[in-house]
Amino acid sequence: MEQKSIEYLKYTLLNWPIVDVRTVPGIMHQVVCRTYSIDSNMEYRFHWFLDCTETYVHNHRYTFDTYCLEGEYMEKLWEIIDDDSGTTTYQHSKTSGNKFGSIMPVSGVLRTTDFRHHFPGNILHVDTNQFHSISPITRSSNHVFKFVARQICSSAAENTYVLSPTESIEAPVDQIRPATPEERQCVYLKLEQILERILFNDAFG
């Protein structure tokens, strides 16, 4: 995916005036890339996490692969396990734009089942039925920059949810919005920096 990320870094910078840039305030910027016709069944994005503090436990509408370009974090995989303890987990419906809807109680305890380390040069595959969260690694910066390839031609999840042991969600719930001109400029400079570093490393690494 490194070569694909280089192609889309170049393509995005060349087409910057019409590129869709979105922001979750204080958390992340998303760059939605225009795609070549040959890639019409895919959607490519760059995600720049400004704060990689632990997210809520959630799934995604589309299957995707993520290629880390800068920074690192730990991904936790989660499941609701019915251990006959009478514990209840709350399933919060989630729509695009970081909006939350109905809450449904589910019998079982929310438990971590696996960990995966994401670091520069690493690829993670995420399925729609996989519930995960991400959290920073103590020795690393909270800033993470990655390239995301979403399979929008695949079977989309009927619903997306956030899982929580409580009826309230103890995590930032700021809604995503279009980036301001200042934020767009900051993201543009970051894309340039990432591309220059990749090309330098490929030439002299």
C-alpha atoms as a PDB file:
ATOM      1  CA  MET A   1       0.000   0.000   0.000  1.00  0.00           C
ATOM      2  CA  GLU A   2       2.973   2.340   0.214  1.00  0.00           C
ATOM      3  CA  GLN A   3       2.997   2.887  -3.553  1.00  0.00           C
ATOM      4  CA  LYS A   4      -0.757   3.493  -3.546  1.00  0.00           C
ATOM      5  CA  SER A   5      -0.371   6.038  -0.733  1.00  0.00           C
ATOM      6  CA  ILE A   6       2.300   7.881  -2.751  1.00  0.00           C
ATOM      7  CA  GLU A   7       0.017   7.981  -5.804  1.00  0.00           C
ATOM      8  CA  TYR A   8      -2.827   9.440  -3.777  1.00  0.00           C
ATOM      9  CA  LEU A   9      -0.633  11.901  -1.893  1.00  0.00           C
ATOM     10  CA  LYS A  10       0.507  13.309  -5.246  1.00  0.00           C
ATOM     11  CA  TYR A  11      -2.973  13.206  -6.778  1.00  0.00           C
ATOM     12  CA  THR A  12      -4.572  14.861  -3.747  1.00  0.00           C
ATOM     13  CA  LEU A  13      -2.030  17.678  -3.589  1.00  0.00           C
ATOM     14  CA  LEU A  14      -2.466  18.372  -7.310  1.00  0.00           C
ATOM     15  CA  ASN A  15      -6.262  18.523  -6.924  1.00  0.00           C
ATOM     16  CA  TRP A  16      -6.303  20.269  -3.554  1.00  0.00           C
ATOM     17  CA  PRO A  17      -8.929  22.977  -4.306  1.00  0.00           C
ATOM     18  CA  ILE A  18     -11.618  20.323  -4.750  1.00  0.00           C
ATOM     19  CA  VAL A  19     -10.478  17.864  -2.063  1.00  0.00           C
ATOM     20  CA  ASP A  20     -12.930  17.125   0.764  1.00  0.00           C
ATOM     21  CA  VAL A  21     -11.256  17.744   4.150  1.00  0.00           C
ATOM     22  CA  ARG A  22     -13.192  17.040   7.360  1.00  0.00           C
ATOM     23  CA  THR A  23     -12.390  17.641  11.014  1.00  0.00           C
ATOM     24  CA  VAL A  24     -13.406  16.175  14.342  1.00  0.00           C
ATOM     25  CA  PRO A  25     -12.288  19.089  16.542  1.00  0.00           C
ATOM     26  CA  GLY A  26      -9.198  18.306  18.583  1.00  0.00           C
ATOM     27  CA  ILE A  27      -9.241  14.642  17.519  1.00  0.00           C
ATOM     28  CA  MET A  28      -8.525  14.162  13.809  1.00  0.00           C
ATOM     29  CA  HIS A  29      -8.606  15.404  10.222  1.00  0.00           C
ATOM     30  CA  GLN A  30      -9.892  13.269   7.342  1.00  0.00           C
ATOM     31  CA  VAL A  31      -8.899  13.783   3.700  1.00  0.00           C
ATOM     32  CA  VAL A  32     -11.248  12.049   1.260  1.00  0.00           C
ATOM     33  CA  CYS A  33      -9.352  11.474  -1.976  1.00  0.00           C
ATOM     34  CA  ARG A  34     -10.796  11.751  -5.454  1.00  0.00           C
ATOM     35  CA  THR A  35     -10.370   8.344  -7.065  1.00  0.00           C
ATOM     36  CA  TYR A  36      -9.169   7.272 -10.480  1.00  0.00           C
ATOM     37  CA  SER A  37     -11.863   5.563 -12.569  1.00  0.00           C
ATOM     38  CA  ILE A  38     -10.022   2.257 -12.217  1.00  0.00           C
ATOM     39  CA  ASP A  39     -10.523   2.512  -8.447  1.00  0.00           C
ATOM     40  CA  SER A  40     -14.226   3.347  -8.563  1.00  0.00           C
ATOM     41  CA  ASN A  41     -15.060   0.508  -6.162  1.00  0.00           C
ATOM     42  CA  MET A  42     -12.700   1.871  -3.513  1.00  0.00           C
ATOM     43  CA  GLU A  43     -12.549   5.001  -1.399  1.00  0.00           C
ATOM     44  CA  TYR A  44      -9.160   6.247  -0.276  1.00  0.00           C
ATOM     45  CA  ARG A  45      -8.568   8.548   2.669  1.00  0.00           C
ATOM     46  CA  PHE A  46      -5.815   9.996   4.784  1.00  0.00           C
ATOM     47  CA  HIS A  47      -6.545  10.147   8.516  1.00  0.00           C
ATOM     48  CA  TRP A  48      -4.432  12.414  10.687  1.00  0.00           C
ATOM     49  CA  PHE A  49      -5.048  11.796  14.392  1.00  0.00           C
ATOM     50  CA  LEU A  50      -4.145  14.835  16.477  1.00  0.00           C
ATOM     51  CA  ASP A  51      -5.079  13.029  19.669  1.00  0.00           C
ATOM     52  CA  CYS A  52      -4.925   9.254  19.708  1.00  0.00           C
ATOM     53  CA  THR A  53      -6.344   8.869  23.205  1.00  0.00           C
ATOM     54  CA  GLU A  54      -8.464   5.757  23.550  1.00  0.00           C
ATOM     55  CA  THR A  55     -11.567   5.798  21.386  1.00  0.00           C
ATOM     56  CA  TYR A  56     -14.892   4.232  22.206  1.00  0.00           C
ATOM     57  CA  VAL A  57     -15.490   0.625  21.143  1.00  0.00           C
ATOM     58  CA  HIS A  58     -17.055   0.662  17.670  1.00  0.00           C
ATOM     59  CA  ASN A  59     -17.430  -1.098  14.346  1.00  0.00           C
ATOM     60  CA  HIS A  60     -17.368   0.326  10.812  1.00  0.00           C
ATOM     61  CA  ARG A  61     -19.779   0.401   7.898  1.00  0.00           C
ATOM     62  CA  TYR A  62     -17.195  -0.737   5.348  1.00  0.00           C
ATOM     63  CA  THR A  63     -14.305  -3.184   5.394  1.00  0.00           C
ATOM     64  CA  PHE A  64     -10.974  -1.390   5.063  1.00  0.00           C
ATOM     65  CA  ASP A  65      -7.198  -1.681   5.170  1.00  0.00           C
ATOM     66  CA  THR A  66      -5.144   0.948   6.960  1.00  0.00           C
ATOM     67  CA  TYR A  67      -1.471   1.631   6.215  1.00  0.00           C
ATOM     68  CA  CYS A  68       0.420   3.538   8.907  1.00  0.00           C
ATOM     69  CA  LEU A  69       2.690   6.338   7.664  1.00  0.00           C
ATOM     70  CA  GLU A  70       3.583   8.078  10.935  1.00  0.00           C
ATOM     71  CA  GLY A  71       3.159   7.427  14.640  1.00  0.00           C
ATOM     72  CA  GLU A  72       1.864   4.259  16.259  1.00  0.00           C
ATOM     73  CA  TYR A  73      -0.965   2.980  18.405  1.00  0.00           C
ATOM     74  CA  MET A  74      -2.398  -0.179  19.894  1.00  0.00           C
ATOM     75  CA  GLU A  75      -5.673  -1.546  18.577  1.00  0.00           C
ATOM     76  CA  LYS A  76      -7.852  -3.511  20.986  1.00  0.00           C
ATOM     77  CA  LEU A  77     -10.406  -6.021  19.678  1.00  0.00           C
ATOM     78  CA  TRP A  78     -13.579  -6.470  21.742  1.00  0.00           C
ATOM     79  CA  GLU A  79     -16.487  -8.887  22.096  1.00  0.00           C
ATOM     80  CA  ILE A  80     -19.581  -9.127  24.266  1.00  0.00           C
ATOM     81  CA  ILE A  81     -19.215 -12.374  26.205  1.00  0.00           C
ATOM     82  CA  ASP A  82     -22.135 -13.851  28.113  1.00  0.00           C
ATOM     83  CA  ASP A  83     -20.480 -15.189  31.261  1.00  0.00           C
ATOM     84  CA  ASP A  84     -23.722 -15.732  33.196  1.00  0.00           C
ATOM     85  CA  SER A  85     -22.757 -12.924  35.580  1.00  0.00           C
ATOM     86  CA  GLY A  86     -25.842 -10.875  34.763  1.00  0.00           C
ATOM     87  CA  THR A  87     -23.706  -8.067  33.348  1.00  0.00           C
ATOM     88  CA  THR A  88     -25.258  -5.764  30.736  1.00  0.00           C
ATOM     89  CA  THR A  89     -23.459  -4.033  27.866  1.00  0.00           C
ATOM     90  CA  TYR A  90     -25.111  -1.098  26.081  1.00  0.00           C
ATOM     91  CA  GLN A  91     -25.211  -0.933  22.296  1.00  0.00           C
ATOM     92  CA  HIS A  92     -25.496   2.659  21.031  1.00  0.00           C
ATOM     93  CA  SER A  93     -26.549   3.062  17.401  1.00  0.00           C
ATOM     94  CA  LYS A  94     -24.215   5.380  15.461  1.00  0.00           C
ATOM     95  CA  THR A  95     -24.712   7.186  12.158  1.00  0.00           C
ATOM     96  CA  SER A  96     -22.328   9.138   9.943  1.00  0.00           C
ATOM     97  CA  GLY A  97     -21.110  12.408  11.367  1.00  0.00           C
ATOM     98  CA  ASN A  98     -20.520  10.959  14.842  1.00  0.00           C
ATOM     99  CA  LYS A  99     -24.205  11.111  15.780  1.00  0.00           C
ATOM    100  CA  PHE A 100     -25.752   8.674  18.251  1.00  0.00           C
ATOM    101  CA  GLY A 101     -29.254   7.260  18.403  1.00  0.00           C
ATOM    102  CA  SER A 102     -31.060   4.505  20.256  1.00  0.00           C
ATOM    103  CA  ILE A 103     -29.553   2.438  23.068  1.00  0.00           C
ATOM    104  CA  MET A 104     -30.127  -1.300  23.396  1.00  0.00           C
ATOM    105  CA  PRO A 105     -29.043  -3.388  26.424  1.00  0.00           C
ATOM    106  CA  VAL A 106     -27.259  -6.643  25.551  1.00  0.00           C
ATOM    107  CA  SER A 107     -26.634  -9.448  28.020  1.00  0.00           C
ATOM    108  CA  GLY A 108     -22.923 -10.016  28.532  1.00  0.00           C
ATOM    109  CA  VAL A 109     -19.686  -8.352  29.575  1.00  0.00           C
ATOM    110  CA  LEU A 110     -17.591  -6.231  27.194  1.00  0.00           C
ATOM    111  CA  ARG A 111     -14.149  -7.795  27.109  1.00  0.00           C
ATOM    112  CA  THR A 112     -10.869  -7.269  25.229  1.00  0.00           C
ATOM    113  CA  THR A 113     -10.034 -10.360  23.149  1.00  0.00           C
ATOM    114  CA  ASP A 114      -6.865  -9.323  21.287  1.00  0.00           C
ATOM    115  CA  PHE A 115      -4.315  -6.538  20.709  1.00  0.00           C
ATOM    116  CA  ARG A 116      -2.673  -5.378  17.460  1.00  0.00           C
ATOM    117  CA  HIS A 117       0.218  -2.924  17.181  1.00  0.00           C
ATOM    118  CA  HIS A 118      -0.032  -0.404  14.307  1.00  0.00           C
ATOM    119  CA  PHE A 119       3.230   1.308  13.321  1.00  0.00           C
ATOM    120  CA  PRO A 120       4.848   2.876  10.213  1.00  0.00           C
ATOM    121  CA  GLY A 121       4.896   0.423   7.312  1.00  0.00           C
ATOM    122  CA  ASN A 122       2.301  -1.858   8.939  1.00  0.00           C
ATOM    123  CA  ILE A 123      -1.082  -2.761   7.396  1.00  0.00           C
ATOM    124  CA  LEU A 124      -4.166  -3.608   9.461  1.00  0.00           C
ATOM    125  CA  HIS A 125      -7.323  -5.147   7.992  1.00  0.00           C
ATOM    126  CA  VAL A 126     -10.627  -4.247   9.683  1.00  0.00           C
ATOM    127  CA  ASP A 127     -13.928  -6.043   8.976  1.00  0.00           C
ATOM    128  CA  THR A 128     -17.403  -4.614   9.494  1.00  0.00           C
ATOM    129  CA  ASN A 129     -18.240  -7.148  12.215  1.00  0.00           C
ATOM    130  CA  GLN A 130     -15.106  -6.326  14.209  1.00  0.00           C
ATOM    131  CA  PHE A 131     -15.467  -4.082  17.252  1.00  0.00           C
ATOM    132  CA  HIS A 132     -12.288  -2.247  18.136  1.00  0.00           C
ATOM    133  CA  SER A 133     -10.782   0.758  19.863  1.00  0.00           C
ATOM    134  CA  ILE A 134      -7.396   2.409  19.540  1.00  0.00           C
ATOM    135  CA  SER A 135      -5.147   3.787  22.251  1.00  0.00           C
ATOM    136  CA  PRO A 136      -1.732   5.482  22.269  1.00  0.00           C
ATOM    137  CA  ILE A 137       1.487   3.730  23.142  1.00  0.00           C
ATOM    138  CA  THR A 138       3.157   5.465  26.078  1.00  0.00           C
ATOM    139  CA  ARG A 139       6.507   5.955  24.384  1.00  0.00           C
ATOM    140  CA  SER A 140       5.004   7.443  21.213  1.00  0.00           C
ATOM    141  CA  SER A 141       3.334  10.696  20.243  1.00  0.00           C
ATOM    142  CA  ASN A 142      -0.449  10.788  20.125  1.00  0.00           C
ATOM    143  CA  HIS A 143      -0.178  12.018  16.535  1.00  0.00           C
ATOM    144  CA  VAL A 144      -0.805   9.286  13.935  1.00  0.00           C
ATOM    145  CA  PHE A 145      -1.037   9.632  10.158  1.00  0.00           C
ATOM    146  CA  LYS A 146      -2.377   6.777   8.036  1.00  0.00           C
ATOM    147  CA  PHE A 147      -3.691   5.878   4.583  1.00  0.00           C
ATOM    148  CA  VAL A 148      -7.058   4.107   4.507  1.00  0.00           C
ATOM    149  CA  ALA A 149      -8.516   2.019   1.655  1.00  0.00           C
ATOM    150  CA  ARG A 150     -12.260   1.406   2.137  1.00  0.00           C
ATOM    151  CA  GLN A 151     -13.978  -1.311   0.089  1.00  0.00           C
ATOM    152  CA  ILE A 152     -17.211   0.522  -0.694  1.00  0.00           C
ATOM    153  CA  CYS A 153     -18.200  -2.180  -3.181  1.00  0.00           C
ATOM    154  CA  SER A 154     -18.257  -4.776  -0.396  1.00  0.00           C
ATOM    155  CA  SER A 155     -21.292  -5.643   1.677  1.00  0.00           C
ATOM    156  CA  ALA A 156     -21.787  -2.736   4.022  1.00  0.00           C
ATOM    157  CA  ALA A 157     -22.728  -3.315   7.637  1.00  0.00           C
ATOM    158  CA  GLU A 158     -26.435  -2.733   8.113  1.00  0.00           C
ATOM    159  CA  ASN A 159     -25.752  -0.780  11.286  1.00  0.00           C
ATOM    160  CA  THR A 160     -22.784   0.670  13.132  1.00  0.00           C
ATOM    161  CA  TYR A 161     -22.628   0.758  16.903  1.00  0.00           C
ATOM    162  CA  VAL A 162     -20.644   1.891  19.892  1.00  0.00           C
ATOM    163  CA  LEU A 163     -20.443  -0.588  22.772  1.00  0.00           C
ATOM    164  CA  SER A 164     -20.195   0.627  26.362  1.00  0.00           C
ATOM    165  CA  PRO A 165     -20.522  -0.895  29.836  1.00  0.00           C
ATOM    166  CA  THR A 166     -22.663   2.129  30.767  1.00  0.00           C
ATOM    167  CA  GLU A 167     -25.681   3.871  29.269  1.00  0.00           C
ATOM    168  CA  SER A 168     -23.580   6.986  28.741  1.00  0.00           C
ATOM    169  CA  ILE A 169     -20.595   7.109  26.391  1.00  0.00           C
ATOM    170  CA  GLU A 170     -17.483   8.253  28.211  1.00  0.00           C
ATOM    171  CA  ALA A 171     -15.577   9.512  25.162  1.00  0.00           C
ATOM    172  CA  PRO A 172     -15.506  12.608  22.948  1.00  0.00           C
ATOM    173  CA  VAL A 173     -18.612  12.780  20.779  1.00  0.00           C
ATOM    174  CA  ASP A 174     -17.825  15.926  18.772  1.00  0.00           C
ATOM    175  CA  GLN A 175     -19.487  15.772  15.389  1.00  0.00           C
ATOM    176  CA  ILE A 176     -17.393  15.791  12.237  1.00  0.00           C
ATOM    177  CA  ARG A 177     -17.528  19.002  10.170  1.00  0.00           C
ATOM    178  CA  PRO A 178     -15.857  20.559   7.103  1.00  0.00           C
ATOM    179  CA  ALA A 179     -12.347  21.799   7.845  1.00  0.00           C
ATOM    180  CA  THR A 180     -11.803  25.530   8.146  1.00  0.00           C
ATOM    181  CA  PRO A 181      -9.431  27.268   5.674  1.00  0.00           C
ATOM    182  CA  GLU A 182      -6.750  27.320   8.386  1.00  0.00           C
ATOM    183  CA  GLU A 183      -7.203  23.611   9.069  1.00  0.00           C
ATOM    184  CA  ARG A 184      -7.086  22.849   5.336  1.00  0.00           C
ATOM    185  CA  GLN A 185      -3.772  24.684   5.036  1.00  0.00           C
ATOM    186  CA  CYS A 186      -2.363  22.780   7.997  1.00  0.00           C
ATOM    187  CA  VAL A 187      -3.435  19.456   6.466  1.00  0.00           C
ATOM    188  CA  TYR A 188      -1.985  20.431   3.059  1.00  0.00           C
ATOM    189  CA  LEU A 189       1.399  21.130   4.630  1.00  0.00           C
ATOM    190  CA  LYS A 190       1.249  17.816   6.498  1.00  0.00           C
ATOM    191  CA  LEU A 191       0.544  15.907   3.272  1.00  0.00           C
ATOM    192  CA  GLU A 192       3.519  17.622   1.627  1.00  0.00           C
ATOM    193  CA  GLN A 193       5.725  16.731   4.596  1.00  0.00           C
ATOM    194  CA  ILE A 194       4.667  13.079   4.542  1.00  0.00           C
ATOM    195  CA  LEU A 195       5.213  12.773   0.779  1.00  0.00           C
ATOM    196  CA  GLU A 196       8.649  14.421   0.931  1.00  0.00           C
ATOM    197  CA  ARG A 197       9.752  12.095   3.720  1.00  0.00           C
ATOM    198  CA  ILE A 198       8.552   8.967   1.910  1.00  0.00           C
ATOM    199  CA  LEU A 199      10.297   9.957  -1.323  1.00  0.00           C
ATOM    200  CA  PHE A 200      13.484  10.845   0.580  1.00  0.00           C
ATOM    201  CA  ASN A 201      13.497   7.547   2.450  1.00  0.00           C
ATOM    202  CA  ASP A 202      12.859   5.593  -0.764  1.00  0.00           C
ATOM    203  CA  ALA A 203      15.724   7.394  -2.471  1.00  0.00           C
ATOM    204  CA  PHE A 204      18.273   7.155   0.325  1.00  0.00           C
ATOM    205  CA  GLY A 205      16.908   4.574   2.711  1.00  0.00           C
END
